[in-house]
Amino acid sequence: SSSLAIDAPTLWSPANNSAGIVQTP
């Protein structure tokens, strides 16, 4: 079961702690 564990994704955008006005990014 542990060998079947799937990798976690790497988050891309919006970048962590980035700011923006687009409400549907």
PDBML (XML) file of the C-alpha atoms, coordinates in Angstrom:
<?xml version="1.0" encoding="UTF-8" ?>
<PDBx:datablock datablockName="MODEL"
   xmlns:PDBx="http://pdbml.pdb.org/schema/pdbx-v50.xsd"
   xmlns:xsi="http://www.w3.org/2001/XMLSchema-instance"
   xsi:schemaLocation="http://pdbml.pdb.org/schema/pdbx-v50.xsd pdbx-v50.xsd">
   <PDBx:atom_siteCategory>
      <PDBx:atom_site id="1">
         <PDBx:B_iso_or_equiv>0.00</PDBx:B_iso_or_equiv>
         <PDBx:Cartn_x>0.000</PDBx:Cartn_x>
         <PDBx:Cartn_y>0.000</PDBx:Cartn_y>
         <PDBx:Cartn_z>0.000</PDBx:Cartn_z>
         <PDBx:auth_asym_id>A</PDBx:auth_asym_id>
         <PDBx:auth_atom_id>CA</PDBx:auth_atom_id>
         <PDBx:auth_comp_id>SER</PDBx:auth_comp_id>
         <PDBx:auth_seq_id>1</PDBx:auth_seq_id>
         <PDBx:group_PDB>ATOM</PDBx:group_PDB>
         <PDBx:label_alt_id xsi:nil="true" />
         <PDBx:label_asym_id>A</PDBx:label_asym_id>
         <PDBx:label_atom_id>CA</PDBx:label_atom_id>
         <PDBx:label_comp_id>SER</PDBx:label_comp_id>
         <PDBx:label_entity_id>1</PDBx:label_entity_id>
         <PDBx:label_seq_id>1</PDBx:label_seq_id>
         <PDBx:occupancy>1.00</PDBx:occupancy>
         <PDBx:pdbx_PDB_model_num>1</PDBx:pdbx_PDB_model_num>
         <PDBx:type_symbol>C</PDBx:type_symbol>
      </PDBx:atom_site>
      <PDBx:atom_site id="2">
         <PDBx:B_iso_or_equiv>0.00</PDBx:B_iso_or_equiv>
         <PDBx:Cartn_x>2.775</PDBx:Cartn_x>
         <PDBx:Cartn_y>2.414</PDBx:Cartn_y>
         <PDBx:Cartn_z>0.874</PDBx:Cartn_z>
         <PDBx:auth_asym_id>A</PDBx:auth_asym_id>
         <PDBx:auth_atom_id>CA</PDBx:auth_atom_id>
         <PDBx:auth_comp_id>SER</PDBx:auth_comp_id>
         <PDBx:auth_seq_id>2</PDBx:auth_seq_id>
         <PDBx:group_PDB>ATOM</PDBx:group_PDB>
         <PDBx:label_alt_id xsi:nil="true" />
         <PDBx:label_asym_id>A</PDBx:label_asym_id>
         <PDBx:label_atom_id>CA</PDBx:label_atom_id>
         <PDBx:label_comp_id>SER</PDBx:label_comp_id>
         <PDBx:label_entity_id>1</PDBx:label_entity_id>
         <PDBx:label_seq_id>2</PDBx:label_seq_id>
         <PDBx:occupancy>1.00</PDBx:occupancy>
         <PDBx:pdbx_PDB_model_num>1</PDBx:pdbx_PDB_model_num>
         <PDBx:type_symbol>C</PDBx:type_symbol>
      </PDBx:atom_site>
      <PDBx:atom_site id="3">
         <PDBx:B_iso_or_equiv>0.00</PDBx:B_iso_or_equiv>
         <PDBx:Cartn_x>4.559</PDBx:Cartn_x>
         <PDBx:Cartn_y>1.662</PDBx:Cartn_y>
         <PDBx:Cartn_z>-2.408</PDBx:Cartn_z>
         <PDBx:auth_asym_id>A</PDBx:auth_asym_id>
         <PDBx:auth_atom_id>CA</PDBx:auth_atom_id>
         <PDBx:auth_comp_id>SER</PDBx:auth_comp_id>
         <PDBx:auth_seq_id>3</PDBx:auth_seq_id>
         <PDBx:group_PDB>ATOM</PDBx:group_PDB>
         <PDBx:label_alt_id xsi:nil="true" />
         <PDBx:label_asym_id>A</PDBx:label_asym_id>
         <PDBx:label_atom_id>CA</PDBx:label_atom_id>
         <PDBx:label_comp_id>SER</PDBx:label_comp_id>
         <PDBx:label_entity_id>1</PDBx:label_entity_id>
         <PDBx:label_seq_id>3</PDBx:label_seq_id>
         <PDBx:occupancy>1.00</PDBx:occupancy>
         <PDBx:pdbx_PDB_model_num>1</PDBx:pdbx_PDB_model_num>
         <PDBx:type_symbol>C</PDBx:type_symbol>
      </PDBx:atom_site>
      <PDBx:atom_site id="4">
         <PDBx:B_iso_or_equiv>0.00</PDBx:B_iso_or_equiv>
         <PDBx:Cartn_x>1.407</PDBx:Cartn_x>
         <PDBx:Cartn_y>2.688</PDBx:Cartn_y>
         <PDBx:Cartn_z>-4.279</PDBx:Cartn_z>
         <PDBx:auth_asym_id>A</PDBx:auth_asym_id>
         <PDBx:auth_atom_id>CA</PDBx:auth_atom_id>
         <PDBx:auth_comp_id>LEU</PDBx:auth_comp_id>
         <PDBx:auth_seq_id>4</PDBx:auth_seq_id>
         <PDBx:group_PDB>ATOM</PDBx:group_PDB>
         <PDBx:label_alt_id xsi:nil="true" />
         <PDBx:label_asym_id>A</PDBx:label_asym_id>
         <PDBx:label_atom_id>CA</PDBx:label_atom_id>
         <PDBx:label_comp_id>LEU</PDBx:label_comp_id>
         <PDBx:label_entity_id>1</PDBx:label_entity_id>
         <PDBx:label_seq_id>4</PDBx:label_seq_id>
         <PDBx:occupancy>1.00</PDBx:occupancy>
         <PDBx:pdbx_PDB_model_num>1</PDBx:pdbx_PDB_model_num>
         <PDBx:type_symbol>C</PDBx:type_symbol>
      </PDBx:atom_site>
      <PDBx:atom_site id="5">
         <PDBx:B_iso_or_equiv>0.00</PDBx:B_iso_or_equiv>
         <PDBx:Cartn_x>1.410</PDBx:Cartn_x>
         <PDBx:Cartn_y>6.163</PDBx:Cartn_y>
         <PDBx:Cartn_z>-2.730</PDBx:Cartn_z>
         <PDBx:auth_asym_id>A</PDBx:auth_asym_id>
         <PDBx:auth_atom_id>CA</PDBx:auth_atom_id>
         <PDBx:auth_comp_id>ALA</PDBx:auth_comp_id>
         <PDBx:auth_seq_id>5</PDBx:auth_seq_id>
         <PDBx:group_PDB>ATOM</PDBx:group_PDB>
         <PDBx:label_alt_id xsi:nil="true" />
         <PDBx:label_asym_id>A</PDBx:label_asym_id>
         <PDBx:label_atom_id>CA</PDBx:label_atom_id>
         <PDBx:label_comp_id>ALA</PDBx:label_comp_id>
         <PDBx:label_entity_id>1</PDBx:label_entity_id>
         <PDBx:label_seq_id>5</PDBx:label_seq_id>
         <PDBx:occupancy>1.00</PDBx:occupancy>
         <PDBx:pdbx_PDB_model_num>1</PDBx:pdbx_PDB_model_num>
         <PDBx:type_symbol>C</PDBx:type_symbol>
      </PDBx:atom_site>
      <PDBx:atom_site id="6">
         <PDBx:B_iso_or_equiv>0.00</PDBx:B_iso_or_equiv>
         <PDBx:Cartn_x>1.293</PDBx:Cartn_x>
         <PDBx:Cartn_y>8.839</PDBx:Cartn_y>
         <PDBx:Cartn_z>-5.466</PDBx:Cartn_z>
         <PDBx:auth_asym_id>A</PDBx:auth_asym_id>
         <PDBx:auth_atom_id>CA</PDBx:auth_atom_id>
         <PDBx:auth_comp_id>ILE</PDBx:auth_comp_id>
         <PDBx:auth_seq_id>6</PDBx:auth_seq_id>
         <PDBx:group_PDB>ATOM</PDBx:group_PDB>
         <PDBx:label_alt_id xsi:nil="true" />
         <PDBx:label_asym_id>A</PDBx:label_asym_id>
         <PDBx:label_atom_id>CA</PDBx:label_atom_id>
         <PDBx:label_comp_id>ILE</PDBx:label_comp_id>
         <PDBx:label_entity_id>1</PDBx:label_entity_id>
         <PDBx:label_seq_id>6</PDBx:label_seq_id>
         <PDBx:occupancy>1.00</PDBx:occupancy>
         <PDBx:pdbx_PDB_model_num>1</PDBx:pdbx_PDB_model_num>
         <PDBx:type_symbol>C</PDBx:type_symbol>
      </PDBx:atom_site>
      <PDBx:atom_site id="7">
         <PDBx:B_iso_or_equiv>0.00</PDBx:B_iso_or_equiv>
         <PDBx:Cartn_x>3.575</PDBx:Cartn_x>
         <PDBx:Cartn_y>11.848</PDBx:Cartn_y>
         <PDBx:Cartn_z>-5.543</PDBx:Cartn_z>
         <PDBx:auth_asym_id>A</PDBx:auth_asym_id>
         <PDBx:auth_atom_id>CA</PDBx:auth_atom_id>
         <PDBx:auth_comp_id>ASP</PDBx:auth_comp_id>
         <PDBx:auth_seq_id>7</PDBx:auth_seq_id>
         <PDBx:group_PDB>ATOM</PDBx:group_PDB>
         <PDBx:label_alt_id xsi:nil="true" />
         <PDBx:label_asym_id>A</PDBx:label_asym_id>
         <PDBx:label_atom_id>CA</PDBx:label_atom_id>
         <PDBx:label_comp_id>ASP</PDBx:label_comp_id>
         <PDBx:label_entity_id>1</PDBx:label_entity_id>
         <PDBx:label_seq_id>7</PDBx:label_seq_id>
         <PDBx:occupancy>1.00</PDBx:occupancy>
         <PDBx:pdbx_PDB_model_num>1</PDBx:pdbx_PDB_model_num>
         <PDBx:type_symbol>C</PDBx:type_symbol>
      </PDBx:atom_site>
      <PDBx:atom_site id="8">
         <PDBx:B_iso_or_equiv>0.00</PDBx:B_iso_or_equiv>
         <PDBx:Cartn_x>2.255</PDBx:Cartn_x>
         <PDBx:Cartn_y>15.262</PDBx:Cartn_y>
         <PDBx:Cartn_z>-4.613</PDBx:Cartn_z>
         <PDBx:auth_asym_id>A</PDBx:auth_asym_id>
         <PDBx:auth_atom_id>CA</PDBx:auth_atom_id>
         <PDBx:auth_comp_id>ALA</PDBx:auth_comp_id>
         <PDBx:auth_seq_id>8</PDBx:auth_seq_id>
         <PDBx:group_PDB>ATOM</PDBx:group_PDB>
         <PDBx:label_alt_id xsi:nil="true" />
         <PDBx:label_asym_id>A</PDBx:label_asym_id>
         <PDBx:label_atom_id>CA</PDBx:label_atom_id>
         <PDBx:label_comp_id>ALA</PDBx:label_comp_id>
         <PDBx:label_entity_id>1</PDBx:label_entity_id>
         <PDBx:label_seq_id>8</PDBx:label_seq_id>
         <PDBx:occupancy>1.00</PDBx:occupancy>
         <PDBx:pdbx_PDB_model_num>1</PDBx:pdbx_PDB_model_num>
         <PDBx:type_symbol>C</PDBx:type_symbol>
      </PDBx:atom_site>
      <PDBx:atom_site id="9">
         <PDBx:B_iso_or_equiv>0.00</PDBx:B_iso_or_equiv>
         <PDBx:Cartn_x>2.133</PDBx:Cartn_x>
         <PDBx:Cartn_y>17.920</PDBx:Cartn_y>
         <PDBx:Cartn_z>-7.353</PDBx:Cartn_z>
         <PDBx:auth_asym_id>A</PDBx:auth_asym_id>
         <PDBx:auth_atom_id>CA</PDBx:auth_atom_id>
         <PDBx:auth_comp_id>PRO</PDBx:auth_comp_id>
         <PDBx:auth_seq_id>9</PDBx:auth_seq_id>
         <PDBx:group_PDB>ATOM</PDBx:group_PDB>
         <PDBx:label_alt_id xsi:nil="true" />
         <PDBx:label_asym_id>A</PDBx:label_asym_id>
         <PDBx:label_atom_id>CA</PDBx:label_atom_id>
         <PDBx:label_comp_id>PRO</PDBx:label_comp_id>
         <PDBx:label_entity_id>1</PDBx:label_entity_id>
         <PDBx:label_seq_id>9</PDBx:label_seq_id>
         <PDBx:occupancy>1.00</PDBx:occupancy>
         <PDBx:pdbx_PDB_model_num>1</PDBx:pdbx_PDB_model_num>
         <PDBx:type_symbol>C</PDBx:type_symbol>
      </PDBx:atom_site>
      <PDBx:atom_site id="10">
         <PDBx:B_iso_or_equiv>0.00</PDBx:B_iso_or_equiv>
         <PDBx:Cartn_x>4.342</PDBx:Cartn_x>
         <PDBx:Cartn_y>20.981</PDBx:Cartn_y>
         <PDBx:Cartn_z>-7.440</PDBx:Cartn_z>
         <PDBx:auth_asym_id>A</PDBx:auth_asym_id>
         <PDBx:auth_atom_id>CA</PDBx:auth_atom_id>
         <PDBx:auth_comp_id>THR</PDBx:auth_comp_id>
         <PDBx:auth_seq_id>10</PDBx:auth_seq_id>
         <PDBx:group_PDB>ATOM</PDBx:group_PDB>
         <PDBx:label_alt_id xsi:nil="true" />
         <PDBx:label_asym_id>A</PDBx:label_asym_id>
         <PDBx:label_atom_id>CA</PDBx:label_atom_id>
         <PDBx:label_comp_id>THR</PDBx:label_comp_id>
         <PDBx:label_entity_id>1</PDBx:label_entity_id>
         <PDBx:label_seq_id>10</PDBx:label_seq_id>
         <PDBx:occupancy>1.00</PDBx:occupancy>
         <PDBx:pdbx_PDB_model_num>1</PDBx:pdbx_PDB_model_num>
         <PDBx:type_symbol>C</PDBx:type_symbol>
      </PDBx:atom_site>
      <PDBx:atom_site id="11">
         <PDBx:B_iso_or_equiv>0.00</PDBx:B_iso_or_equiv>
         <PDBx:Cartn_x>2.246</PDBx:Cartn_x>
         <PDBx:Cartn_y>24.159</PDBx:Cartn_y>
         <PDBx:Cartn_z>-7.375</PDBx:Cartn_z>
         <PDBx:auth_asym_id>A</PDBx:auth_asym_id>
         <PDBx:auth_atom_id>CA</PDBx:auth_atom_id>
         <PDBx:auth_comp_id>LEU</PDBx:auth_comp_id>
         <PDBx:auth_seq_id>11</PDBx:auth_seq_id>
         <PDBx:group_PDB>ATOM</PDBx:group_PDB>
         <PDBx:label_alt_id xsi:nil="true" />
         <PDBx:label_asym_id>A</PDBx:label_asym_id>
         <PDBx:label_atom_id>CA</PDBx:label_atom_id>
         <PDBx:label_comp_id>LEU</PDBx:label_comp_id>
         <PDBx:label_entity_id>1</PDBx:label_entity_id>
         <PDBx:label_seq_id>11</PDBx:label_seq_id>
         <PDBx:occupancy>1.00</PDBx:occupancy>
         <PDBx:pdbx_PDB_model_num>1</PDBx:pdbx_PDB_model_num>
         <PDBx:type_symbol>C</PDBx:type_symbol>
      </PDBx:atom_site>
      <PDBx:atom_site id="12">
         <PDBx:B_iso_or_equiv>0.00</PDBx:B_iso_or_equiv>
         <PDBx:Cartn_x>3.036</PDBx:Cartn_x>
         <PDBx:Cartn_y>26.722</PDBx:Cartn_y>
         <PDBx:Cartn_z>-10.073</PDBx:Cartn_z>
         <PDBx:auth_asym_id>A</PDBx:auth_asym_id>
         <PDBx:auth_atom_id>CA</PDBx:auth_atom_id>
         <PDBx:auth_comp_id>TRP</PDBx:auth_comp_id>
         <PDBx:auth_seq_id>12</PDBx:auth_seq_id>
         <PDBx:group_PDB>ATOM</PDBx:group_PDB>
         <PDBx:label_alt_id xsi:nil="true" />
         <PDBx:label_asym_id>A</PDBx:label_asym_id>
         <PDBx:label_atom_id>CA</PDBx:label_atom_id>
         <PDBx:label_comp_id>TRP</PDBx:label_comp_id>
         <PDBx:label_entity_id>1</PDBx:label_entity_id>
         <PDBx:label_seq_id>12</PDBx:label_seq_id>
         <PDBx:occupancy>1.00</PDBx:occupancy>
         <PDBx:pdbx_PDB_model_num>1</PDBx:pdbx_PDB_model_num>
         <PDBx:type_symbol>C</PDBx:type_symbol>
      </PDBx:atom_site>
      <PDBx:atom_site id="13">
         <PDBx:B_iso_or_equiv>0.00</PDBx:B_iso_or_equiv>
         <PDBx:Cartn_x>0.682</PDBx:Cartn_x>
         <PDBx:Cartn_y>29.681</PDBx:Cartn_y>
         <PDBx:Cartn_z>-10.279</PDBx:Cartn_z>
         <PDBx:auth_asym_id>A</PDBx:auth_asym_id>
         <PDBx:auth_atom_id>CA</PDBx:auth_atom_id>
         <PDBx:auth_comp_id>SER</PDBx:auth_comp_id>
         <PDBx:auth_seq_id>13</PDBx:auth_seq_id>
         <PDBx:group_PDB>ATOM</PDBx:group_PDB>
         <PDBx:label_alt_id xsi:nil="true" />
         <PDBx:label_asym_id>A</PDBx:label_asym_id>
         <PDBx:label_atom_id>CA</PDBx:label_atom_id>
         <PDBx:label_comp_id>SER</PDBx:label_comp_id>
         <PDBx:label_entity_id>1</PDBx:label_entity_id>
         <PDBx:label_seq_id>13</PDBx:label_seq_id>
         <PDBx:occupancy>1.00</PDBx:occupancy>
         <PDBx:pdbx_PDB_model_num>1</PDBx:pdbx_PDB_model_num>
         <PDBx:type_symbol>C</PDBx:type_symbol>
      </PDBx:atom_site>
      <PDBx:atom_site id="14">
         <PDBx:B_iso_or_equiv>0.00</PDBx:B_iso_or_equiv>
         <PDBx:Cartn_x>-0.372</PDBx:Cartn_x>
         <PDBx:Cartn_y>31.941</PDBx:Cartn_y>
         <PDBx:Cartn_z>-8.747</PDBx:Cartn_z>
         <PDBx:auth_asym_id>A</PDBx:auth_asym_id>
         <PDBx:auth_atom_id>CA</PDBx:auth_atom_id>
         <PDBx:auth_comp_id>PRO</PDBx:auth_comp_id>
         <PDBx:auth_seq_id>14</PDBx:auth_seq_id>
         <PDBx:group_PDB>ATOM</PDBx:group_PDB>
         <PDBx:label_alt_id xsi:nil="true" />
         <PDBx:label_asym_id>A</PDBx:label_asym_id>
         <PDBx:label_atom_id>CA</PDBx:label_atom_id>
         <PDBx:label_comp_id>PRO</PDBx:label_comp_id>
         <PDBx:label_entity_id>1</PDBx:label_entity_id>
         <PDBx:label_seq_id>14</PDBx:label_seq_id>
         <PDBx:occupancy>1.00</PDBx:occupancy>
         <PDBx:pdbx_PDB_model_num>1</PDBx:pdbx_PDB_model_num>
         <PDBx:type_symbol>C</PDBx:type_symbol>
      </PDBx:atom_site>
      <PDBx:atom_site id="15">
         <PDBx:B_iso_or_equiv>0.00</PDBx:B_iso_or_equiv>
         <PDBx:Cartn_x>3.015</PDBx:Cartn_x>
         <PDBx:Cartn_y>31.807</PDBx:Cartn_y>
         <PDBx:Cartn_z>-7.028</PDBx:Cartn_z>
         <PDBx:auth_asym_id>A</PDBx:auth_asym_id>
         <PDBx:auth_atom_id>CA</PDBx:auth_atom_id>
         <PDBx:auth_comp_id>ALA</PDBx:auth_comp_id>
         <PDBx:auth_seq_id>15</PDBx:auth_seq_id>
         <PDBx:group_PDB>ATOM</PDBx:group_PDB>
         <PDBx:label_alt_id xsi:nil="true" />
         <PDBx:label_asym_id>A</PDBx:label_asym_id>
         <PDBx:label_atom_id>CA</PDBx:label_atom_id>
         <PDBx:label_comp_id>ALA</PDBx:label_comp_id>
         <PDBx:label_entity_id>1</PDBx:label_entity_id>
         <PDBx:label_seq_id>15</PDBx:label_seq_id>
         <PDBx:occupancy>1.00</PDBx:occupancy>
         <PDBx:pdbx_PDB_model_num>1</PDBx:pdbx_PDB_model_num>
         <PDBx:type_symbol>C</PDBx:type_symbol>
      </PDBx:atom_site>
      <PDBx:atom_site id="16">
         <PDBx:B_iso_or_equiv>0.00</PDBx:B_iso_or_equiv>
         <PDBx:Cartn_x>3.012</PDBx:Cartn_x>
         <PDBx:Cartn_y>31.522</PDBx:Cartn_y>
         <PDBx:Cartn_z>-3.261</PDBx:Cartn_z>
         <PDBx:auth_asym_id>A</PDBx:auth_asym_id>
         <PDBx:auth_atom_id>CA</PDBx:auth_atom_id>
         <PDBx:auth_comp_id>ASN</PDBx:auth_comp_id>
         <PDBx:auth_seq_id>16</PDBx:auth_seq_id>
         <PDBx:group_PDB>ATOM</PDBx:group_PDB>
         <PDBx:label_alt_id xsi:nil="true" />
         <PDBx:label_asym_id>A</PDBx:label_asym_id>
         <PDBx:label_atom_id>CA</PDBx:label_atom_id>
         <PDBx:label_comp_id>ASN</PDBx:label_comp_id>
         <PDBx:label_entity_id>1</PDBx:label_entity_id>
         <PDBx:label_seq_id>16</PDBx:label_seq_id>
         <PDBx:occupancy>1.00</PDBx:occupancy>
         <PDBx:pdbx_PDB_model_num>1</PDBx:pdbx_PDB_model_num>
         <PDBx:type_symbol>C</PDBx:type_symbol>
      </PDBx:atom_site>
      <PDBx:atom_site id="17">
         <PDBx:B_iso_or_equiv>0.00</PDBx:B_iso_or_equiv>
         <PDBx:Cartn_x>2.205</PDBx:Cartn_x>
         <PDBx:Cartn_y>34.856</PDBx:Cartn_y>
         <PDBx:Cartn_z>-1.565</PDBx:Cartn_z>
         <PDBx:auth_asym_id>A</PDBx:auth_asym_id>
         <PDBx:auth_atom_id>CA</PDBx:auth_atom_id>
         <PDBx:auth_comp_id>ASN</PDBx:auth_comp_id>
         <PDBx:auth_seq_id>17</PDBx:auth_seq_id>
         <PDBx:group_PDB>ATOM</PDBx:group_PDB>
         <PDBx:label_alt_id xsi:nil="true" />
         <PDBx:label_asym_id>A</PDBx:label_asym_id>
         <PDBx:label_atom_id>CA</PDBx:label_atom_id>
         <PDBx:label_comp_id>ASN</PDBx:label_comp_id>
         <PDBx:label_entity_id>1</PDBx:label_entity_id>
         <PDBx:label_seq_id>17</PDBx:label_seq_id>
         <PDBx:occupancy>1.00</PDBx:occupancy>
         <PDBx:pdbx_PDB_model_num>1</PDBx:pdbx_PDB_model_num>
         <PDBx:type_symbol>C</PDBx:type_symbol>
      </PDBx:atom_site>
      <PDBx:atom_site id="18">
         <PDBx:B_iso_or_equiv>0.00</PDBx:B_iso_or_equiv>
         <PDBx:Cartn_x>1.850</PDBx:Cartn_x>
         <PDBx:Cartn_y>36.572</PDBx:Cartn_y>
         <PDBx:Cartn_z>-4.950</PDBx:Cartn_z>
         <PDBx:auth_asym_id>A</PDBx:auth_asym_id>
         <PDBx:auth_atom_id>CA</PDBx:auth_atom_id>
         <PDBx:auth_comp_id>SER</PDBx:auth_comp_id>
         <PDBx:auth_seq_id>18</PDBx:auth_seq_id>
         <PDBx:group_PDB>ATOM</PDBx:group_PDB>
         <PDBx:label_alt_id xsi:nil="true" />
         <PDBx:label_asym_id>A</PDBx:label_asym_id>
         <PDBx:label_atom_id>CA</PDBx:label_atom_id>
         <PDBx:label_comp_id>SER</PDBx:label_comp_id>
         <PDBx:label_entity_id>1</PDBx:label_entity_id>
         <PDBx:label_seq_id>18</PDBx:label_seq_id>
         <PDBx:occupancy>1.00</PDBx:occupancy>
         <PDBx:pdbx_PDB_model_num>1</PDBx:pdbx_PDB_model_num>
         <PDBx:type_symbol>C</PDBx:type_symbol>
      </PDBx:atom_site>
      <PDBx:atom_site id="19">
         <PDBx:B_iso_or_equiv>0.00</PDBx:B_iso_or_equiv>
         <PDBx:Cartn_x>-0.701</PDBx:Cartn_x>
         <PDBx:Cartn_y>39.371</PDBx:Cartn_y>
         <PDBx:Cartn_z>-5.288</PDBx:Cartn_z>
         <PDBx:auth_asym_id>A</PDBx:auth_asym_id>
         <PDBx:auth_atom_id>CA</PDBx:auth_atom_id>
         <PDBx:auth_comp_id>ALA</PDBx:auth_comp_id>
         <PDBx:auth_seq_id>19</PDBx:auth_seq_id>
         <PDBx:group_PDB>ATOM</PDBx:group_PDB>
         <PDBx:label_alt_id xsi:nil="true" />
         <PDBx:label_asym_id>A</PDBx:label_asym_id>
         <PDBx:label_atom_id>CA</PDBx:label_atom_id>
         <PDBx:label_comp_id>ALA</PDBx:label_comp_id>
         <PDBx:label_entity_id>1</PDBx:label_entity_id>
         <PDBx:label_seq_id>19</PDBx:label_seq_id>
         <PDBx:occupancy>1.00</PDBx:occupancy>
         <PDBx:pdbx_PDB_model_num>1</PDBx:pdbx_PDB_model_num>
         <PDBx:type_symbol>C</PDBx:type_symbol>
      </PDBx:atom_site>
      <PDBx:atom_site id="20">
         <PDBx:B_iso_or_equiv>0.00</PDBx:B_iso_or_equiv>
         <PDBx:Cartn_x>-3.185</PDBx:Cartn_x>
         <PDBx:Cartn_y>40.154</PDBx:Cartn_y>
         <PDBx:Cartn_z>-8.045</PDBx:Cartn_z>
         <PDBx:auth_asym_id>A</PDBx:auth_asym_id>
         <PDBx:auth_atom_id>CA</PDBx:auth_atom_id>
         <PDBx:auth_comp_id>GLY</PDBx:auth_comp_id>
         <PDBx:auth_seq_id>20</PDBx:auth_seq_id>
         <PDBx:group_PDB>ATOM</PDBx:group_PDB>
         <PDBx:label_alt_id xsi:nil="true" />
         <PDBx:label_asym_id>A</PDBx:label_asym_id>
         <PDBx:label_atom_id>CA</PDBx:label_atom_id>
         <PDBx:label_comp_id>GLY</PDBx:label_comp_id>
         <PDBx:label_entity_id>1</PDBx:label_entity_id>
         <PDBx:label_seq_id>20</PDBx:label_seq_id>
         <PDBx:occupancy>1.00</PDBx:occupancy>
         <PDBx:pdbx_PDB_model_num>1</PDBx:pdbx_PDB_model_num>
         <PDBx:type_symbol>C</PDBx:type_symbol>
      </PDBx:atom_site>
      <PDBx:atom_site id="21">
         <PDBx:B_iso_or_equiv>0.00</PDBx:B_iso_or_equiv>
         <PDBx:Cartn_x>-6.579</PDBx:Cartn_x>
         <PDBx:Cartn_y>41.609</PDBx:Cartn_y>
         <PDBx:Cartn_z>-8.916</PDBx:Cartn_z>
         <PDBx:auth_asym_id>A</PDBx:auth_asym_id>
         <PDBx:auth_atom_id>CA</PDBx:auth_atom_id>
         <PDBx:auth_comp_id>ILE</PDBx:auth_comp_id>
         <PDBx:auth_seq_id>21</PDBx:auth_seq_id>
         <PDBx:group_PDB>ATOM</PDBx:group_PDB>
         <PDBx:label_alt_id xsi:nil="true" />
         <PDBx:label_asym_id>A</PDBx:label_asym_id>
         <PDBx:label_atom_id>CA</PDBx:label_atom_id>
         <PDBx:label_comp_id>ILE</PDBx:label_comp_id>
         <PDBx:label_entity_id>1</PDBx:label_entity_id>
         <PDBx:label_seq_id>21</PDBx:label_seq_id>
         <PDBx:occupancy>1.00</PDBx:occupancy>
         <PDBx:pdbx_PDB_model_num>1</PDBx:pdbx_PDB_model_num>
         <PDBx:type_symbol>C</PDBx:type_symbol>
      </PDBx:atom_site>
      <PDBx:atom_site id="22">
         <PDBx:B_iso_or_equiv>0.00</PDBx:B_iso_or_equiv>
         <PDBx:Cartn_x>-7.819</PDBx:Cartn_x>
         <PDBx:Cartn_y>38.789</PDBx:Cartn_y>
         <PDBx:Cartn_z>-11.181</PDBx:Cartn_z>
         <PDBx:auth_asym_id>A</PDBx:auth_asym_id>
         <PDBx:auth_atom_id>CA</PDBx:auth_atom_id>
         <PDBx:auth_comp_id>VAL</PDBx:auth_comp_id>
         <PDBx:auth_seq_id>22</PDBx:auth_seq_id>
         <PDBx:group_PDB>ATOM</PDBx:group_PDB>
         <PDBx:label_alt_id xsi:nil="true" />
         <PDBx:label_asym_id>A</PDBx:label_asym_id>
         <PDBx:label_atom_id>CA</PDBx:label_atom_id>
         <PDBx:label_comp_id>VAL</PDBx:label_comp_id>
         <PDBx:label_entity_id>1</PDBx:label_entity_id>
         <PDBx:label_seq_id>22</PDBx:label_seq_id>
         <PDBx:occupancy>1.00</PDBx:occupancy>
         <PDBx:pdbx_PDB_model_num>1</PDBx:pdbx_PDB_model_num>
         <PDBx:type_symbol>C</PDBx:type_symbol>
      </PDBx:atom_site>
      <PDBx:atom_site id="23">
         <PDBx:B_iso_or_equiv>0.00</PDBx:B_iso_or_equiv>
         <PDBx:Cartn_x>-10.699</PDBx:Cartn_x>
         <PDBx:Cartn_y>37.148</PDBx:Cartn_y>
         <PDBx:Cartn_z>-9.325</PDBx:Cartn_z>
         <PDBx:auth_asym_id>A</PDBx:auth_asym_id>
         <PDBx:auth_atom_id>CA</PDBx:auth_atom_id>
         <PDBx:auth_comp_id>GLN</PDBx:auth_comp_id>
         <PDBx:auth_seq_id>23</PDBx:auth_seq_id>
         <PDBx:group_PDB>ATOM</PDBx:group_PDB>
         <PDBx:label_alt_id xsi:nil="true" />
         <PDBx:label_asym_id>A</PDBx:label_asym_id>
         <PDBx:label_atom_id>CA</PDBx:label_atom_id>
         <PDBx:label_comp_id>GLN</PDBx:label_comp_id>
         <PDBx:label_entity_id>1</PDBx:label_entity_id>
         <PDBx:label_seq_id>23</PDBx:label_seq_id>
         <PDBx:occupancy>1.00</PDBx:occupancy>
         <PDBx:pdbx_PDB_model_num>1</PDBx:pdbx_PDB_model_num>
         <PDBx:type_symbol>C</PDBx:type_symbol>
      </PDBx:atom_site>
      <PDBx:atom_site id="24">
         <PDBx:B_iso_or_equiv>0.00</PDBx:B_iso_or_equiv>
         <PDBx:Cartn_x>-10.801</PDBx:Cartn_x>
         <PDBx:Cartn_y>34.112</PDBx:Cartn_y>
         <PDBx:Cartn_z>-11.622</PDBx:Cartn_z>
         <PDBx:auth_asym_id>A</PDBx:auth_asym_id>
         <PDBx:auth_atom_id>CA</PDBx:auth_atom_id>
         <PDBx:auth_comp_id>THR</PDBx:auth_comp_id>
         <PDBx:auth_seq_id>24</PDBx:auth_seq_id>
         <PDBx:group_PDB>ATOM</PDBx:group_PDB>
         <PDBx:label_alt_id xsi:nil="true" />
         <PDBx:label_asym_id>A</PDBx:label_asym_id>
         <PDBx:label_atom_id>CA</PDBx:label_atom_id>
         <PDBx:label_comp_id>THR</PDBx:label_comp_id>
         <PDBx:label_entity_id>1</PDBx:label_entity_id>
         <PDBx:label_seq_id>24</PDBx:label_seq_id>
         <PDBx:occupancy>1.00</PDBx:occupancy>
         <PDBx:pdbx_PDB_model_num>1</PDBx:pdbx_PDB_model_num>
         <PDBx:type_symbol>C</PDBx:type_symbol>
      </PDBx:atom_site>
      <PDBx:atom_site id="25">
         <PDBx:B_iso_or_equiv>0.00</PDBx:B_iso_or_equiv>
         <PDBx:Cartn_x>-7.113</PDBx:Cartn_x>
         <PDBx:Cartn_y>33.176</PDBx:Cartn_y>
         <PDBx:Cartn_z>-11.890</PDBx:Cartn_z>
         <PDBx:auth_asym_id>A</PDBx:auth_asym_id>
         <PDBx:auth_atom_id>CA</PDBx:auth_atom_id>
         <PDBx:auth_comp_id>PRO</PDBx:auth_comp_id>
         <PDBx:auth_seq_id>25</PDBx:auth_seq_id>
         <PDBx:group_PDB>ATOM</PDBx:group_PDB>
         <PDBx:label_alt_id xsi:nil="true" />
         <PDBx:label_asym_id>A</PDBx:label_asym_id>
         <PDBx:label_atom_id>CA</PDBx:label_atom_id>
         <PDBx:label_comp_id>PRO</PDBx:label_comp_id>
         <PDBx:label_entity_id>1</PDBx:label_entity_id>
         <PDBx:label_seq_id>25</PDBx:label_seq_id>
         <PDBx:occupancy>1.00</PDBx:occupancy>
         <PDBx:pdbx_PDB_model_num>1</PDBx:pdbx_PDB_model_num>
         <PDBx:type_symbol>C</PDBx:type_symbol>
      </PDBx:atom_site>
   </PDBx:atom_siteCategory>
</PDBx:datablock>
